[in-house]
Protein backbone atom coordinates (compact mmCIF):
# COMPACT_ATOMS: atom_id res chain seq x y z
CA UNK A 1 0.00 0.00 0.00
CA UNK A 2 1.58 3.33 -1.05
CA UNK A 3 2.00 6.19 1.37
CA UNK A 4 -0.70 8.81 1.23
CA UNK A 5 1.60 11.74 2.00
CA UNK A 6 5.18 12.21 0.94
CA UNK A 7 7.81 13.28 3.45
CA UNK A 8 8.11 16.86 2.23
CA UNK A 9 4.33 17.25 2.63
CA UNK A 10 4.44 15.97 6.21
CA UNK A 11 7.36 18.29 6.97
CA UNK A 12 5.42 21.17 5.44
CA UNK A 13 2.38 20.61 7.69
CA UNK A 14 4.50 20.16 10.83
CA UNK A 15 6.52 23.25 9.98
CA UNK A 16 3.32 25.26 9.53
CA UNK A 17 2.09 24.24 12.99
CA UNK A 18 5.43 24.98 14.65
CA UNK A 19 5.86 28.34 12.92
CA UNK A 20 2.35 29.42 13.88
CA UNK A 21 3.08 28.68 17.51
CA UNK A 22 6.52 30.33 17.42
CA UNK A 23 5.24 33.51 15.77
CA UNK A 24 2.41 33.71 18.27
CA UNK A 25 4.33 33.00 21.48
CA UNK A 26 8.10 33.26 21.08
CA UNK A 27 8.79 36.12 18.66
CA UNK A 28 8.81 39.45 20.48
CA UNK A 29 9.50 41.83 17.57
CA UNK A 30 6.96 44.69 17.46
CA UNK A 31 7.70 45.25 13.75
CA UNK A 32 6.26 41.86 12.88
CA UNK A 33 2.80 42.68 14.17
CA UNK A 34 0.00 40.12 14.03
CA UNK A 35 0.75 37.51 11.37
CA UNK A 36 -0.79 34.17 10.51
CA UNK A 37 0.95 31.32 8.72
CA UNK A 38 -1.30 30.48 5.78
CA UNK A 39 0.83 27.98 3.91
CA UNK A 40 4.29 26.42 3.85
CA UNK A 41 5.79 24.98 0.67
CA UNK A 42 8.84 22.80 1.21
CA UNK A 43 11.02 21.75 -1.71
CA UNK A 44 11.28 18.03 -2.34
CA UNK A 45 14.88 17.95 -1.16
CA UNK A 46 13.84 19.69 2.11
CA UNK A 47 16.36 22.50 1.67
CA UNK A 48 14.06 25.53 1.40
CA UNK A 49 10.67 26.34 2.90
CA UNK A 50 8.58 29.15 1.46
CA UNK A 51 6.39 30.43 4.28
CA UNK A 52 3.33 32.40 3.15
CA UNK A 53 2.02 34.65 5.92
CA UNK A 54 -0.99 36.90 6.14
CA UNK A 55 -0.50 40.20 7.91
CA UNK A 56 -3.48 41.60 9.78
CA UNK A 57 -3.39 45.37 10.15
CA UNK A 58 -5.64 47.71 12.07
CA UNK A 59 -5.21 50.72 9.81
CA UNK A 60 -4.87 51.06 6.07
CA UNK A 61 -1.54 52.90 6.20
CA UNK A 62 0.37 50.17 8.05
CA UNK A 63 2.94 48.64 5.74
CA UNK A 64 2.68 44.87 5.34
CA UNK A 65 6.07 44.60 3.65
CA UNK A 66 7.70 45.89 6.86
CA UNK A 67 6.34 42.83 8.66
CA UNK A 68 7.69 40.51 5.97
CA UNK A 69 11.11 42.22 6.10
CA UNK A 70 11.16 41.87 9.89
CA UNK A 71 10.33 38.16 9.58
CA UNK A 72 13.09 37.63 7.02
CA UNK A 73 15.55 39.43 9.34
CA UNK A 74 14.49 37.16 12.22
CA UNK A 75 14.54 34.00 10.09
CA UNK A 76 17.82 32.76 11.64
CA UNK A 77 16.36 33.03 15.15
CA UNK A 78 13.11 31.37 14.04
CA UNK A 79 15.11 28.63 12.29
CA UNK A 80 17.00 27.94 15.53
CA UNK A 81 13.80 27.66 17.55
CA UNK A 82 12.21 25.38 14.93
CA UNK A 83 15.27 23.14 14.79
CA UNK A 84 15.08 22.61 18.56
CA UNK A 85 11.40 21.63 18.36
CA UNK A 86 11.42 19.37 15.31
CA UNK A 87 13.25 16.06 15.23
CA UNK A 88 15.02 16.47 11.93
CA UNK A 89 18.65 16.29 10.98
CA UNK A 90 18.33 19.37 8.77
CA UNK A 91 15.52 21.92 9.02
CA UNK A 92 14.79 23.79 5.77
CA UNK A 93 15.90 27.38 5.25
CA UNK A 94 12.96 29.70 5.93
CA UNK A 95 11.89 32.38 3.44
CA UNK A 96 8.85 34.49 4.25
CA UNK A 97 6.43 35.86 1.65
CA UNK A 98 3.25 37.90 1.88
CA UNK A 99 0.11 35.87 1.14
CA UNK A 100 -2.45 38.08 -0.56
CA UNK A 101 -4.99 35.37 -1.30
CA UNK A 102 -7.41 36.57 1.39
CA UNK A 103 -7.41 40.12 0.02
CA UNK A 104 -7.82 38.84 -3.53
CA UNK A 105 -10.74 36.69 -2.41
CA UNK A 106 -12.42 39.68 -0.78
CA UNK A 107 -11.93 41.76 -3.94
CA UNK A 108 -13.39 38.98 -6.09
CA UNK A 109 -16.35 38.66 -3.73
CA UNK A 110 -16.99 42.40 -3.92
CA UNK A 111 -16.82 42.29 -7.73
CA UNK A 112 -19.26 39.39 -7.87
CA UNK A 113 -21.67 41.18 -5.55
CA UNK A 114 -21.41 44.33 -7.68
CA UNK A 115 -22.26 42.45 -10.87
CA UNK A 116 -25.21 40.57 -9.38
CA UNK A 117 -26.70 42.46 -6.40
CA UNK A 118 -29.89 40.30 -6.42
CA UNK A 119 -28.01 37.14 -5.42
CA UNK A 120 -26.71 38.29 -2.02
CA UNK A 121 -26.42 35.69 0.76
């Protein structure tokens, strides 16, 4: 019987859980703000992990790229904390990217509502 999930997929899910917890509890950088880990893509050779985060802001003029830059600056610290928590010989290098899928979904929803205002649920 073949495996349902490959190793890089299991590492991706575990890394997503660990990073969410680390960003919530351990990282004390005020520049990061409130971020959520939406997705983690790990390469098949487990060398690089692309971490897609959503940045929640309270005002429109807060810069989301500043949060991503702060996360990339703190990636060595985060990598060290992750490597202590996960039982792996080599933890992938972390690269943080802004995930704009939520905003794009909201824009698409607004466009659909504007084209058909009768079908509102």
